[in-house]
């Protein structure tokens, strides 16, 4: 049954929507200079639409109303072309102020050192680029699309995630949030990362996309693509990812459950070419999208938590 014809799911999604809109408005009221992190992935697409709803911004960019904060993308330089194309169309065409912080600029300036060669993952290098972008923009709050069901370190997060003056996260220093009461007061130099989608699941995201008829990058749906398997993950050959001598490139029907640095983001075999098919697959999945398709989260049980303590989102 489609979510649009199922009153139970519609009511459930509207409750989640109302909670997220409330969080966004509260943070804008309490903090001085927020920013919204936008990767053009499914979660940040939903987050951006919720922010638009919070401030009466029309879905098609008409009406003259604008978000009271800019949109920030931390660009690794190892992107899927379809995702960058969508990012530009979704933000600039709707009149949003887009800031692009490039990892390559940080490498060129010597702020970070790229190890493992130009084809290695740049995920860890995003942390310095993000912290520098937040500092340069004077941002004291950053909205992100992280959900608690993604990964065990994400599950430790509160809706408002407080970071010290170095952008670092300490799970023991987080504030209680009884009855959805949020305390956004911080000292100068501290930051708040805000997760309005904390109580959403991957299935909720897809059902909301269907309910709101949101557009997505094409790679979220099944298509034929050249891939090769490495450590159980289907990677795409590119200028940054080459198959090894023992790895065979084949053309298969695949789609992506998450998007990110293409050197470590894998596809899943699929024939789901529309929302109904994707929702059916997600409903039957037993492994989260990060666990199934992100190689960087397989390095250790605490890989994500280690990065978050350094300042990663």
Protein backbone atom coordinates (compact mmCIF):
# COMPACT_ATOMS: atom_id res chain seq x y z
CA UNK A 1 0.00 0.00 0.00
CA UNK A 2 1.29 3.46 -0.90
CA UNK A 3 1.91 5.76 2.06
CA UNK A 4 -0.29 8.37 0.40
CA UNK A 5 -3.27 6.01 0.77
CA UNK A 6 -2.43 4.77 4.27
CA UNK A 7 -3.79 7.21 6.91
CA UNK A 8 -1.74 5.60 9.71
CA UNK A 9 1.59 6.27 8.00
CA UNK A 10 0.53 9.74 6.92
CA UNK A 11 -0.37 10.68 10.52
CA UNK A 12 2.90 9.23 11.78
CA UNK A 13 4.92 11.20 9.24
CA UNK A 14 3.08 14.44 9.99
CA UNK A 15 3.95 14.02 13.69
CA UNK A 16 7.63 13.57 12.80
CA UNK A 17 7.39 16.53 10.45
CA UNK A 18 5.89 18.76 13.15
CA UNK A 19 8.62 17.76 15.62
CA UNK A 20 11.37 18.55 13.11
CA UNK A 21 9.85 21.90 12.15
CA UNK A 22 9.58 22.80 15.86
CA UNK A 23 13.27 21.96 16.41
CA UNK A 24 14.39 24.04 13.43
CA UNK A 25 12.36 27.06 14.56
CA UNK A 26 13.59 26.75 18.15
CA UNK A 27 17.24 26.72 17.10
CA UNK A 28 16.81 29.72 14.79
CA UNK A 29 15.17 31.57 17.69
CA UNK A 30 17.89 30.67 20.22
CA UNK A 31 21.13 30.71 18.21
CA UNK A 32 22.64 33.64 16.33
CA UNK A 33 23.89 32.16 13.05
CA UNK A 34 22.74 28.70 11.94
CA UNK A 35 23.61 26.89 8.72
CA UNK A 36 22.13 23.77 7.10
CA UNK A 37 24.46 21.02 5.93
CA UNK A 38 23.38 19.70 2.54
CA UNK A 39 25.00 16.75 0.77
CA UNK A 40 22.18 16.22 -1.77
CA UNK A 41 21.59 12.85 -0.11
CA UNK A 42 18.08 11.69 0.74
CA UNK A 43 18.23 12.74 4.41
CA UNK A 44 19.50 16.25 3.69
CA UNK A 45 16.89 16.61 0.92
CA UNK A 46 14.16 15.85 3.46
CA UNK A 47 15.83 18.18 5.99
CA UNK A 48 15.96 21.03 3.48
CA UNK A 49 12.27 20.60 2.65
CA UNK A 50 11.41 20.64 6.38
CA UNK A 51 13.41 23.86 6.81
CA UNK A 52 11.51 25.38 3.91
CA UNK A 53 8.23 24.40 5.54
CA UNK A 54 9.37 25.88 8.86
CA UNK A 55 9.70 29.31 7.26
CA UNK A 56 7.02 29.22 4.60
CA UNK A 57 9.36 28.75 1.65
CA UNK A 58 7.53 27.33 -1.36
CA UNK A 59 8.64 23.98 -2.77
CA UNK A 60 9.25 25.41 -6.26
CA UNK A 61 11.26 28.44 -5.13
CA UNK A 62 8.52 30.94 -5.98
CA UNK A 63 6.84 33.32 -3.56
CA UNK A 64 9.86 35.40 -2.58
CA UNK A 65 10.33 33.86 0.87
CA UNK A 66 13.88 32.72 1.67
CA UNK A 67 15.50 30.59 4.36
CA UNK A 68 16.99 32.65 7.21
CA UNK A 69 20.28 30.76 6.90
CA UNK A 70 22.59 29.49 4.15
CA UNK A 71 23.18 25.93 2.95
CA UNK A 72 26.66 24.38 3.29
CA UNK A 73 28.13 21.44 1.38
CA UNK A 74 31.45 19.94 2.43
CA UNK A 75 32.78 18.72 -0.92
CA UNK A 76 35.33 15.89 -0.84
CA UNK A 77 36.01 16.17 -4.57
CA UNK A 78 35.24 12.45 -4.87
CA UNK A 79 31.60 12.86 -5.82
CA UNK A 80 29.04 11.15 -7.97
CA UNK A 81 28.35 13.52 -10.87
CA UNK A 82 24.60 12.96 -10.56
CA UNK A 83 24.67 14.14 -6.93
CA UNK A 84 26.58 17.38 -7.61
CA UNK A 85 24.28 18.19 -10.51
CA UNK A 86 21.26 17.68 -8.26
CA UNK A 87 22.83 19.76 -5.46
CA UNK A 88 23.18 22.75 -7.74
CA UNK A 89 19.71 22.43 -9.22
CA UNK A 90 17.99 21.95 -5.85
CA UNK A 91 19.68 24.84 -4.05
CA UNK A 92 20.42 27.62 -6.51
CA UNK A 93 17.23 27.14 -8.50
CA UNK A 94 15.26 27.64 -5.28
CA UNK A 95 17.13 30.79 -4.33
CA UNK A 96 19.08 29.29 -1.42
CA UNK A 97 22.52 30.64 -0.59
CA UNK A 98 24.90 27.72 -1.25
CA UNK A 99 28.35 27.64 0.35
CA UNK A 100 30.73 24.93 -0.91
CA UNK A 101 33.68 24.09 1.36
CA UNK A 102 36.17 22.01 -0.63
CA UNK A 103 38.50 19.43 0.86
CA UNK A 104 40.81 20.04 -2.10
CA UNK A 105 41.28 23.66 -0.99
CA UNK A 106 42.29 22.44 2.47
CA UNK A 107 44.81 20.06 0.89
CA UNK A 108 46.21 22.80 -1.36
CA UNK A 109 46.52 25.20 1.60
CA UNK A 110 48.30 22.59 3.73
CA UNK A 111 45.55 22.53 6.38
CA UNK A 112 45.19 18.76 5.90
CA UNK A 113 47.52 16.15 4.47
CA UNK A 114 46.17 13.59 2.05
CA UNK A 115 47.59 10.15 2.83
CA UNK A 116 47.23 7.01 0.78
CA UNK A 117 47.42 8.85 -2.54
CA UNK A 118 44.83 10.83 -4.51
CA UNK A 119 42.54 7.79 -4.78
CA UNK A 120 42.18 7.25 -1.02
CA UNK A 121 39.00 8.17 0.83
CA UNK A 122 38.78 11.79 1.93
CA UNK A 123 36.10 11.20 4.55
CA UNK A 124 38.36 11.92 7.51
CA UNK A 125 39.62 15.07 5.78
CA UNK A 126 36.08 16.45 5.79
CA UNK A 127 36.34 17.16 9.52
CA UNK A 128 38.96 19.91 9.20
CA UNK A 129 37.16 21.38 6.19
CA UNK A 130 33.84 21.44 8.07
CA UNK A 131 35.32 23.04 11.19
CA UNK A 132 37.10 25.68 9.11
CA UNK A 133 33.91 26.46 7.18
CA UNK A 134 31.88 26.83 10.38
CA UNK A 135 34.56 29.11 11.84
CA UNK A 136 34.87 31.20 8.66
CA UNK A 137 31.12 31.71 8.50
CA UNK A 138 30.77 32.43 12.20
CA UNK A 139 28.17 29.66 12.44
CA UNK A 140 27.18 28.60 15.94
CA UNK A 141 24.62 25.96 14.92
CA UNK A 142 24.59 23.49 12.04
CA UNK A 143 21.54 21.46 11.03
CA UNK A 144 22.30 17.95 9.79
CA UNK A 145 20.31 14.98 8.54
CA UNK A 146 21.79 12.31 10.83
CA UNK A 147 19.35 9.73 12.23
CA UNK A 148 19.76 7.57 15.34
CA UNK A 149 19.08 4.34 13.44
CA UNK A 150 22.06 4.81 11.11
CA UNK A 151 24.87 3.70 13.40
CA UNK A 152 25.59 3.03 17.09
CA UNK A 153 27.48 6.31 17.63
CA UNK A 154 24.56 8.22 16.08
CA UNK A 155 22.28 6.56 18.63
CA UNK A 156 24.18 8.30 21.45
CA UNK A 157 23.31 11.73 20.09
CA UNK A 158 20.74 14.10 21.51
CA UNK A 159 18.75 16.32 19.16
CA UNK A 160 21.07 19.19 20.09
CA UNK A 161 24.65 17.92 20.05
CA UNK A 162 27.00 20.28 21.86
CA UNK A 163 30.60 20.72 20.72
CA UNK A 164 33.39 22.52 22.51
CA UNK A 165 35.43 25.42 21.15
CA UNK A 166 37.45 22.94 19.09
CA UNK A 167 34.32 21.38 17.56
CA UNK A 168 34.85 18.14 19.48
CA UNK A 169 32.07 15.92 20.78
CA UNK A 170 31.97 14.32 24.23
CA UNK A 171 28.96 12.03 24.75
CA UNK A 172 29.23 12.51 28.53
CA UNK A 173 28.87 16.29 28.22
CA UNK A 174 25.51 16.32 26.42
CA UNK A 175 22.45 17.92 27.98
CA UNK A 176 19.20 16.18 28.92
CA UNK A 177 16.17 16.91 26.73
CA UNK A 178 13.12 16.03 28.87
CA UNK A 179 9.71 16.51 27.25
CA UNK A 180 11.39 17.79 24.06
CA UNK A 181 12.74 20.87 25.84
CA UNK A 182 15.93 22.08 24.15
CA UNK A 183 18.53 24.29 25.81
CA UNK A 184 20.58 25.96 23.10
CA UNK A 185 22.61 28.30 25.27
CA UNK A 186 26.32 28.11 24.54
CA UNK A 187 29.47 30.06 25.33
CA UNK A 188 31.27 32.01 22.63
CA UNK A 189 33.31 29.66 20.45
CA UNK A 190 31.16 26.60 21.17
CA UNK A 191 28.90 25.04 18.56
CA UNK A 192 25.69 23.06 18.37
CA UNK A 193 25.03 20.38 15.78
CA UNK A 194 21.28 19.94 15.40
CA UNK A 195 19.57 16.72 14.27
CA UNK A 196 15.86 17.31 13.54
CA UNK A 197 15.62 13.83 11.96
CA UNK A 198 16.88 12.00 15.07
CA UNK A 199 13.63 10.07 15.56
CA UNK A 200 13.18 9.18 11.89
CA UNK A 201 14.14 5.84 10.35
CA UNK A 202 15.35 5.13 6.82
CA UNK A 203 11.87 3.85 6.03
CA UNK A 204 10.31 7.06 7.37
CA UNK A 205 12.57 9.08 5.07
CA UNK A 206 11.49 7.14 2.01
CA UNK A 207 7.81 7.29 2.94
CA UNK A 208 8.09 11.05 3.45
CA UNK A 209 9.78 11.42 0.06
CA UNK A 210 6.81 9.61 -1.46
CA UNK A 211 4.28 11.64 0.54
CA UNK A 212 5.86 14.97 -0.43
CA UNK A 213 6.82 13.90 -3.97
CA UNK A 214 10.42 15.03 -3.42
CA UNK A 215 12.97 14.81 -6.21
CA UNK A 216 16.18 12.79 -5.71
CA UNK A 217 19.44 12.16 -7.56
CA UNK A 218 18.89 9.38 -10.08
CA UNK A 219 21.42 7.01 -8.48
CA UNK A 220 18.97 6.29 -5.65
CA UNK A 221 16.96 4.20 -8.12
CA UNK A 222 18.00 1.02 -9.92
CA UNK A 223 20.07 1.55 -13.04
CA UNK A 224 22.77 -0.32 -14.92
CA UNK A 225 26.28 0.60 -13.85
CA UNK A 226 29.77 -0.86 -14.01
CA UNK A 227 30.83 -2.09 -10.57
CA UNK A 228 33.43 -4.29 -8.93
CA UNK A 229 33.33 -5.98 -5.54
CA UNK A 230 35.81 -5.13 -2.78
CA UNK A 231 35.41 -6.46 0.77
CA UNK A 232 31.76 -7.21 0.09
CA UNK A 233 30.99 -3.72 -1.24
CA UNK A 234 30.12 -2.87 -4.86
CA UNK A 235 32.23 0.13 -5.90
CA UNK A 236 32.05 2.14 -9.11
CA UNK A 237 35.19 2.38 -11.30
CA UNK A 238 36.24 6.01 -11.67
CA UNK A 239 39.31 8.21 -11.82
CA UNK A 240 39.50 7.73 -8.04
CA UNK A 241 38.58 4.04 -7.75
CA UNK A 242 40.22 1.44 -9.96
CA UNK A 243 39.63 -2.29 -9.79
CA UNK A 244 42.62 -4.30 -8.63
CA UNK A 245 44.15 -7.19 -10.60
CA UNK A 246 41.96 -9.71 -8.75
CA UNK A 247 38.77 -7.61 -9.03
CA UNK A 248 36.42 -8.03 -11.97
CA UNK A 249 34.37 -5.17 -13.36
CA UNK A 250 30.88 -6.15 -14.48
CA UNK A 251 27.74 -4.28 -15.51
CA UNK A 252 24.88 -4.84 -13.08
CA UNK A 253 21.53 -3.44 -11.96
CA UNK A 254 22.25 -1.45 -8.79
CA UNK A 255 21.09 1.51 -6.75
CA UNK A 256 22.55 3.50 -3.84
CA UNK A 257 21.07 3.59 -0.35
CA UNK A 258 23.34 6.47 0.66
CA UNK A 259 25.62 8.88 -1.20
CA UNK A 260 29.05 10.15 -0.22
CA UNK A 261 32.70 9.82 -1.14
CA UNK A 262 32.56 7.42 -4.08
CA UNK A 263 35.80 5.72 -3.04
CA UNK A 264 34.06 4.13 -0.04
CA UNK A 265 30.34 4.30 -0.88
CA UNK A 266 28.95 1.09 -2.32
CA UNK A 267 25.88 0.20 -4.32
CA UNK A 268 23.38 -2.57 -3.66
CA UNK A 269 22.01 -4.94 -6.29
CA UNK A 270 18.47 -3.89 -7.02
CA UNK A 271 15.67 -3.68 -9.60
CA UNK A 272 13.76 -1.01 -7.67
CA UNK A 273 13.30 1.71 -10.27
CA UNK A 274 10.61 3.68 -8.46
CA UNK A 275 9.66 4.75 -4.93
CA UNK A 276 7.32 1.82 -4.36
CA UNK A 277 10.10 -0.64 -5.16
CA UNK A 278 12.65 1.14 -2.98
CA UNK A 279 10.24 1.33 -0.02
CA UNK A 280 9.53 -2.40 -0.35
CA UNK A 281 13.28 -3.17 -0.28
CA UNK A 282 13.99 -0.87 2.66
CA UNK A 283 11.11 -2.35 4.65
CA UNK A 284 12.66 -5.80 4.22
CA UNK A 285 16.28 -4.74 4.91
CA UNK A 286 17.97 -6.06 8.06
CA UNK A 287 21.17 -3.96 7.83
CA UNK A 288 21.33 -0.15 7.97
CA UNK A 289 22.43 1.69 4.86
CA UNK A 290 25.75 2.71 6.43
CA UNK A 291 26.47 -0.83 7.59
CA UNK A 292 25.66 -2.24 4.18
CA UNK A 293 27.38 0.26 1.90
CA UNK A 294 29.94 2.45 3.72
CA UNK A 295 33.43 0.98 3.87
CA UNK A 296 34.71 3.60 6.34
CA UNK A 297 32.26 2.41 9.00
CA UNK A 298 33.69 -1.11 8.81
CA UNK A 299 37.20 -0.18 9.92
CA UNK A 300 36.29 -0.65 13.59
CA UNK A 301 33.25 -0.85 15.84
CA UNK A 302 33.95 2.70 17.00
CA UNK A 303 34.92 4.23 13.63
CA UNK A 304 32.09 6.78 13.57
CA UNK A 305 32.48 7.69 17.24
CA UNK A 306 36.20 8.32 16.78
CA UNK A 307 35.48 10.71 13.90
CA UNK A 308 32.74 12.48 15.84
CA UNK A 309 35.08 13.10 18.78
CA UNK A 310 37.44 14.82 16.31
CA UNK A 311 34.66 17.12 15.10
CA UNK A 312 32.99 15.12 12.33
CA UNK A 313 29.26 15.59 11.99
